[in-house]
């Protein structure tokens, strides 16, 4: 299986047991707007290429949209199987989101080729 390269560029804690489960946005702890690898100012000055929006259903960023197909929680980590729609075509892969004590979210693809830290934007 090919790696999800910059999923977070496009990019998960009570998650659904499967993608088919209906989950309210309030029940999905990663729902929100983030920036990648730099703290979010949330004042409109954050670079578009660093912005990431996560909902209970998908991850959306400048490079594409990834849909959660399946998720499993393991302590502070969420393992997700995703399908991404990139301009070059669809790609499936596995990623892990880990909530940190400082409220950032570490992101890692299954093959450990891409790592990132997500910073939640102020409301």
N, C-alpha and C. Protein backbone atom coordinates (compact mmCIF):
# COMPACT_ATOMS: atom_id res chain seq x y z
N UNK A 1 0.84 -1.17 0.00
CA UNK A 1 0.00 0.00 0.00
C UNK A 1 0.88 1.23 0.00
N UNK A 2 0.56 2.19 -0.82
CA UNK A 2 1.34 3.41 -0.92
C UNK A 2 1.07 4.32 0.27
N UNK A 3 2.05 5.08 0.64
CA UNK A 3 1.98 5.98 1.79
C UNK A 3 1.16 7.22 1.46
N UNK A 4 0.45 7.73 2.44
CA UNK A 4 -0.23 9.01 2.31
C UNK A 4 0.82 10.06 2.57
N UNK A 5 1.38 10.64 1.56
CA UNK A 5 2.48 11.58 1.77
C UNK A 5 2.01 12.78 2.56
N UNK A 6 1.62 13.88 2.00
CA UNK A 6 1.29 15.00 2.87
C UNK A 6 -0.19 15.01 3.23
N UNK A 7 -0.63 13.96 3.90
CA UNK A 7 -2.04 13.88 4.29
C UNK A 7 -2.42 15.07 5.14
N UNK A 8 -1.58 15.42 6.07
CA UNK A 8 -1.93 16.52 6.94
C UNK A 8 -1.98 17.81 6.14
N UNK A 9 -1.13 17.93 5.15
CA UNK A 9 -1.25 19.10 4.28
C UNK A 9 -2.66 19.13 3.75
N UNK A 10 -3.20 18.00 3.61
CA UNK A 10 -4.58 17.95 3.20
C UNK A 10 -5.42 17.68 4.42
N UNK A 11 -4.84 17.03 5.78
CA UNK A 11 -5.35 16.51 7.02
C UNK A 11 -5.59 17.31 7.85
N UNK A 12 -6.54 11.50 13.09
CA UNK A 12 -6.84 11.81 13.50
C UNK A 12 -6.61 11.62 14.53
N UNK A 13 -11.23 11.83 22.34
CA UNK A 13 -10.95 11.30 21.03
C UNK A 13 -11.84 10.10 20.91
N UNK A 14 -12.81 10.42 21.06
CA UNK A 14 -13.87 9.42 21.02
C UNK A 14 -14.31 9.28 19.58
N UNK A 15 -13.78 8.32 18.89
CA UNK A 15 -14.04 8.15 17.47
C UNK A 15 -15.06 7.07 17.21
N UNK A 16 -15.65 7.09 16.02
CA UNK A 16 -16.57 6.03 15.67
C UNK A 16 -15.83 4.71 15.51
N UNK A 17 -16.53 3.64 15.76
CA UNK A 17 -15.93 2.32 15.60
C UNK A 17 -15.68 2.02 14.13
N UNK A 18 -16.47 2.62 13.27
CA UNK A 18 -16.27 2.45 11.84
C UNK A 18 -16.75 3.70 11.13
N UNK A 19 -16.37 3.83 9.88
CA UNK A 19 -16.76 5.01 9.13
C UNK A 19 -18.26 5.06 8.93
N UNK A 20 -18.93 3.94 8.98
CA UNK A 20 -20.37 3.89 8.79
C UNK A 20 -21.14 4.38 10.00
N UNK A 21 -20.49 4.51 11.14
CA UNK A 21 -21.18 4.94 12.34
C UNK A 21 -21.42 6.45 12.26
N UNK A 22 -22.62 6.85 12.64
CA UNK A 22 -22.94 8.28 12.65
C UNK A 22 -22.32 8.90 13.89
N UNK A 23 -21.55 9.95 13.68
CA UNK A 23 -20.88 10.61 14.79
C UNK A 23 -21.17 12.10 14.70
N UNK A 24 -21.65 12.66 15.77
CA UNK A 24 -21.87 14.10 15.81
C UNK A 24 -20.52 14.79 15.88
N UNK A 25 -20.44 15.96 15.27
CA UNK A 25 -19.18 16.71 15.29
C UNK A 25 -18.72 16.95 16.72
N UNK A 26 -19.65 17.18 17.65
CA UNK A 26 -19.29 17.43 19.04
C UNK A 26 -18.65 16.20 19.69
N UNK A 27 -18.92 15.00 19.17
CA UNK A 27 -18.39 13.76 19.73
C UNK A 27 -17.01 13.41 19.17
N UNK A 28 -16.55 14.15 18.20
CA UNK A 28 -15.28 13.86 17.54
C UNK A 28 -14.26 14.88 18.01
N UNK A 29 -13.34 14.49 18.88
CA UNK A 29 -12.44 15.46 19.52
C UNK A 29 -11.47 16.17 18.60
N UNK A 30 -11.25 15.65 17.40
CA UNK A 30 -10.32 16.31 16.48
C UNK A 30 -11.00 17.33 15.58
N UNK A 31 -12.32 17.43 15.65
CA UNK A 31 -13.04 18.37 14.80
C UNK A 31 -12.54 19.78 15.05
N UNK A 32 -12.17 20.45 13.98
CA UNK A 32 -11.72 21.83 14.11
C UNK A 32 -10.77 22.23 13.00
N UNK A 33 -10.26 23.42 13.14
CA UNK A 33 -9.30 23.98 12.19
C UNK A 33 -7.93 24.00 12.82
N UNK A 34 -6.93 23.66 12.02
CA UNK A 34 -5.56 23.53 12.49
C UNK A 34 -4.59 24.16 11.49
N UNK A 35 -3.36 24.36 11.96
CA UNK A 35 -2.24 24.61 11.07
C UNK A 35 -1.22 23.51 11.32
N UNK A 36 -0.42 23.30 10.32
CA UNK A 36 0.54 22.21 10.35
C UNK A 36 1.94 22.73 10.66
N UNK A 37 2.52 22.20 11.74
CA UNK A 37 3.91 22.45 12.14
C UNK A 37 4.21 23.86 12.65
N UNK A 38 3.24 24.74 12.71
CA UNK A 38 3.42 26.07 13.30
C UNK A 38 2.15 26.41 14.07
N UNK A 39 2.30 27.10 15.21
CA UNK A 39 1.09 27.48 15.96
C UNK A 39 0.14 28.32 15.11
N UNK A 40 -1.14 28.06 15.27
CA UNK A 40 -2.17 28.77 14.52
C UNK A 40 -2.46 30.11 15.19
N UNK A 41 -2.45 31.17 14.39
CA UNK A 41 -2.80 32.50 14.90
C UNK A 41 -4.31 32.68 14.88
N UNK A 42 -4.97 32.14 13.85
CA UNK A 42 -6.41 32.24 13.75
C UNK A 42 -6.92 33.63 13.45
N UNK A 43 -6.02 34.52 13.01
CA UNK A 43 -6.41 35.90 12.72
C UNK A 43 -6.49 36.18 11.22
N UNK A 44 -6.46 35.11 10.42
CA UNK A 44 -6.52 35.28 8.97
C UNK A 44 -5.15 35.37 8.32
N UNK A 45 -4.09 35.41 9.11
CA UNK A 45 -2.75 35.54 8.54
C UNK A 45 -2.03 34.19 8.38
N UNK A 46 -2.67 33.10 8.80
CA UNK A 46 -2.03 31.79 8.65
C UNK A 46 -1.95 31.42 7.17
N UNK A 47 -0.80 30.93 6.69
CA UNK A 47 -0.66 30.57 5.28
C UNK A 47 -1.64 29.46 4.87
N UNK A 48 -2.29 29.62 3.74
CA UNK A 48 -3.29 28.67 3.26
C UNK A 48 -2.72 27.26 3.13
N UNK A 49 -1.45 27.15 2.72
CA UNK A 49 -0.87 25.82 2.53
C UNK A 49 -0.67 25.06 3.83
N UNK A 50 -0.78 25.75 4.96
CA UNK A 50 -0.62 25.10 6.26
C UNK A 50 -1.95 24.78 6.95
N UNK A 51 -3.05 25.26 6.38
CA UNK A 51 -4.36 25.08 7.01
C UNK A 51 -4.90 23.68 6.78
N UNK A 52 -5.49 23.12 7.84
CA UNK A 52 -6.09 21.79 7.79
C UNK A 52 -7.43 21.86 8.54
N UNK A 53 -8.49 21.32 7.93
CA UNK A 53 -9.79 21.26 8.59
C UNK A 53 -10.15 19.79 8.77
N UNK A 54 -10.49 19.41 10.02
CA UNK A 54 -10.86 18.03 10.31
C UNK A 54 -12.29 18.00 10.81
N UNK A 55 -13.08 17.10 10.22
CA UNK A 55 -14.44 16.84 10.69
C UNK A 55 -14.51 15.37 11.07
N UNK A 56 -15.65 14.92 11.52
CA UNK A 56 -15.81 13.51 11.87
C UNK A 56 -15.74 12.62 10.64
N UNK A 57 -15.93 13.21 9.45
CA UNK A 57 -15.95 12.43 8.22
C UNK A 57 -14.69 12.54 7.38
N UNK A 58 -13.98 13.69 7.47
CA UNK A 58 -12.86 13.88 6.55
C UNK A 58 -11.84 14.89 7.04
N UNK A 59 -10.73 14.90 6.33
CA UNK A 59 -9.64 15.85 6.53
C UNK A 59 -9.54 16.64 5.22
N UNK A 60 -9.51 17.95 5.31
CA UNK A 60 -9.50 18.79 4.12
C UNK A 60 -8.34 19.77 4.21
N UNK A 61 -7.56 19.86 3.14
CA UNK A 61 -6.47 20.83 3.09
C UNK A 61 -6.25 21.26 1.65
N UNK A 62 -5.24 22.06 1.45
CA UNK A 62 -4.97 22.61 0.12
C UNK A 62 -4.69 21.53 -0.93
N UNK A 63 -4.09 20.43 -0.53
CA UNK A 63 -3.71 19.41 -1.53
C UNK A 63 -4.77 18.35 -1.78
N UNK A 64 -5.82 18.29 -0.98
CA UNK A 64 -6.86 17.30 -1.23
C UNK A 64 -7.72 17.02 -0.03
N UNK A 65 -8.63 16.07 -0.21
CA UNK A 65 -9.56 15.67 0.84
C UNK A 65 -9.36 14.19 1.11
N UNK A 66 -9.29 13.82 2.39
CA UNK A 66 -9.18 12.42 2.80
C UNK A 66 -10.40 12.07 3.64
N UNK A 67 -11.03 10.97 3.30
CA UNK A 67 -12.22 10.50 4.00
C UNK A 67 -11.85 9.39 4.97
N UNK A 68 -12.37 9.47 6.20
CA UNK A 68 -12.15 8.39 7.16
C UNK A 68 -12.99 7.19 6.73
N UNK A 69 -12.34 6.05 6.49
CA UNK A 69 -13.05 4.80 6.16
C UNK A 69 -13.27 3.96 7.41
N UNK A 70 -12.31 4.04 8.33
CA UNK A 70 -12.39 3.28 9.57
C UNK A 70 -11.48 3.95 10.59
N UNK A 71 -11.89 3.96 11.85
CA UNK A 71 -11.06 4.51 12.91
C UNK A 71 -11.12 3.62 14.13
N UNK A 72 -10.01 3.60 14.86
CA UNK A 72 -9.93 2.84 16.11
C UNK A 72 -9.14 3.66 17.11
N UNK A 73 -9.66 3.73 18.33
CA UNK A 73 -8.97 4.46 19.38
C UNK A 73 -8.10 3.51 20.18
N UNK A 74 -6.92 4.00 20.53
CA UNK A 74 -5.99 3.23 21.34
C UNK A 74 -5.38 4.22 22.34
N UNK A 75 -6.04 4.41 23.47
CA UNK A 75 -5.58 5.40 24.45
C UNK A 75 -5.72 6.80 23.90
N UNK A 76 -4.62 7.54 23.85
CA UNK A 76 -4.62 8.91 23.32
C UNK A 76 -4.43 8.94 21.81
N UNK A 77 -4.30 7.78 21.20
CA UNK A 77 -4.07 7.71 19.75
C UNK A 77 -5.32 7.25 19.01
N UNK A 78 -5.40 7.72 17.77
CA UNK A 78 -6.47 7.31 16.86
C UNK A 78 -5.80 6.76 15.61
N UNK A 79 -6.08 5.52 15.31
CA UNK A 79 -5.59 4.91 14.07
C UNK A 79 -6.71 5.00 13.06
N UNK A 80 -6.41 5.51 11.88
CA UNK A 80 -7.42 5.70 10.86
C UNK A 80 -6.99 5.12 9.53
N UNK A 81 -7.95 4.49 8.86
CA UNK A 81 -7.77 4.04 7.48
C UNK A 81 -8.50 5.08 6.64
N UNK A 82 -7.80 5.70 5.70
CA UNK A 82 -8.36 6.81 4.94
C UNK A 82 -8.24 6.59 3.44
N UNK A 83 -9.12 7.26 2.72
CA UNK A 83 -9.02 7.33 1.27
C UNK A 83 -8.90 8.80 0.91
N UNK A 84 -7.84 9.14 0.18
CA UNK A 84 -7.59 10.53 -0.17
C UNK A 84 -7.81 10.73 -1.66
N UNK A 85 -8.38 11.89 -1.98
CA UNK A 85 -8.61 12.28 -3.36
C UNK A 85 -7.66 13.43 -3.67
N UNK A 86 -6.58 13.08 -4.36
CA UNK A 86 -5.59 14.06 -4.75
C UNK A 86 -5.73 14.34 -6.24
N UNK A 87 -5.21 15.45 -6.73
CA UNK A 87 -5.28 15.74 -8.17
C UNK A 87 -4.68 14.61 -9.02
N UNK A 88 -3.68 13.93 -8.50
CA UNK A 88 -3.04 12.83 -9.24
C UNK A 88 -3.85 11.54 -9.18
N UNK A 89 -4.89 11.50 -8.35
CA UNK A 89 -5.72 10.31 -8.23
C UNK A 89 -5.91 9.89 -6.79
N UNK A 90 -6.78 8.89 -6.57
CA UNK A 90 -7.07 8.45 -5.20
C UNK A 90 -5.92 7.63 -4.62
N UNK A 91 -5.86 7.65 -3.29
CA UNK A 91 -4.82 6.93 -2.57
C UNK A 91 -5.40 6.50 -1.23
N UNK A 92 -5.16 5.24 -0.84
CA UNK A 92 -5.62 4.75 0.46
C UNK A 92 -4.42 4.52 1.35
N UNK A 93 -4.62 4.72 2.66
CA UNK A 93 -3.52 4.51 3.58
C UNK A 93 -3.97 4.53 5.02
N UNK A 94 -3.02 4.32 5.90
CA UNK A 94 -3.27 4.29 7.35
C UNK A 94 -2.45 5.37 8.02
N UNK A 95 -3.09 6.09 8.93
CA UNK A 95 -2.44 7.18 9.64
C UNK A 95 -2.79 7.09 11.12
N UNK A 96 -1.98 7.75 11.95
CA UNK A 96 -2.23 7.81 13.39
C UNK A 96 -2.17 9.25 13.85
N UNK A 97 -3.17 9.64 14.64
CA UNK A 97 -3.21 10.94 15.30
C UNK A 97 -3.03 10.67 16.79
N UNK A 98 -2.15 11.41 17.45
CA UNK A 98 -1.95 11.25 18.90
C UNK A 98 -2.08 12.62 19.57
N UNK A 99 -3.06 12.73 20.46
CA UNK A 99 -3.26 13.97 21.19
C UNK A 99 -2.20 14.09 22.28
N UNK A 100 -1.52 15.24 22.29
CA UNK A 100 -0.44 15.50 23.22
C UNK A 100 -0.95 16.27 24.44
N UNK A 101 -0.23 16.23 25.56
CA UNK A 101 -0.65 16.98 26.75
C UNK A 101 -0.83 18.48 26.50
N UNK A 102 -0.06 19.05 25.55
CA UNK A 102 -0.18 20.48 25.26
C UNK A 102 -1.30 20.78 24.26
N UNK A 103 -2.13 19.76 23.96
CA UNK A 103 -3.29 19.87 23.07
C UNK A 103 -2.93 19.91 21.59
N UNK A 104 -1.66 19.77 21.24
CA UNK A 104 -1.31 19.60 19.83
C UNK A 104 -1.63 18.15 19.46
N UNK A 105 -1.63 17.87 18.17
CA UNK A 105 -1.92 16.52 17.68
C UNK A 105 -0.77 16.09 16.79
N UNK A 106 -0.09 15.02 17.18
CA UNK A 106 0.96 14.47 16.34
C UNK A 106 0.32 13.59 15.27
N UNK A 107 0.82 13.71 14.05
CA UNK A 107 0.33 12.94 12.91
C UNK A 107 1.47 12.12 12.35
N UNK A 108 1.19 10.87 12.00
CA UNK A 108 2.21 9.98 11.45
C UNK A 108 1.54 9.01 10.48
N UNK A 109 2.12 8.85 9.28
CA UNK A 109 1.58 7.84 8.39
C UNK A 109 2.14 6.48 8.79
N UNK A 110 1.48 5.42 8.35
CA UNK A 110 1.83 4.07 8.78
C UNK A 110 3.29 3.71 8.53
N UNK A 111 3.82 4.14 7.41
CA UNK A 111 5.20 3.79 7.06
C UNK A 111 6.22 4.78 7.62
N UNK A 112 5.73 5.74 8.42
CA UNK A 112 6.58 6.73 9.07
C UNK A 112 7.40 7.56 8.07
N UNK A 113 6.82 7.79 6.90
CA UNK A 113 7.46 8.64 5.91
C UNK A 113 7.08 10.10 6.07
N UNK A 114 5.97 10.35 6.74
CA UNK A 114 5.53 11.73 6.92
C UNK A 114 5.06 11.93 8.35
N UNK A 115 5.59 12.97 8.99
CA UNK A 115 5.22 13.33 10.36
C UNK A 115 4.85 14.81 10.37
N UNK A 116 3.95 15.15 11.27
CA UNK A 116 3.55 16.53 11.40
C UNK A 116 2.96 16.76 12.77
N UNK A 117 2.91 18.02 13.19
CA UNK A 117 2.22 18.39 14.42
C UNK A 117 1.14 19.38 14.02
N UNK A 118 -0.09 19.12 14.46
CA UNK A 118 -1.22 19.99 14.18
C UNK A 118 -1.48 20.89 15.39
N UNK A 119 -1.65 22.17 15.12
CA UNK A 119 -1.95 23.15 16.16
C UNK A 119 -3.37 23.65 15.95
N UNK A 120 -4.23 23.45 16.96
CA UNK A 120 -5.63 23.87 16.84
C UNK A 120 -5.71 25.39 16.80
N UNK A 121 -6.54 25.88 15.89
CA UNK A 121 -6.75 27.32 15.79
C UNK A 121 -7.76 27.77 16.83
N UNK A 122 -7.60 29.00 17.32
CA UNK A 122 -8.57 29.54 18.28
C UNK A 122 -9.95 29.61 17.63
N UNK A 123 -10.96 29.47 18.46
CA UNK A 123 -12.34 29.49 17.96
C UNK A 123 -12.72 30.84 17.46
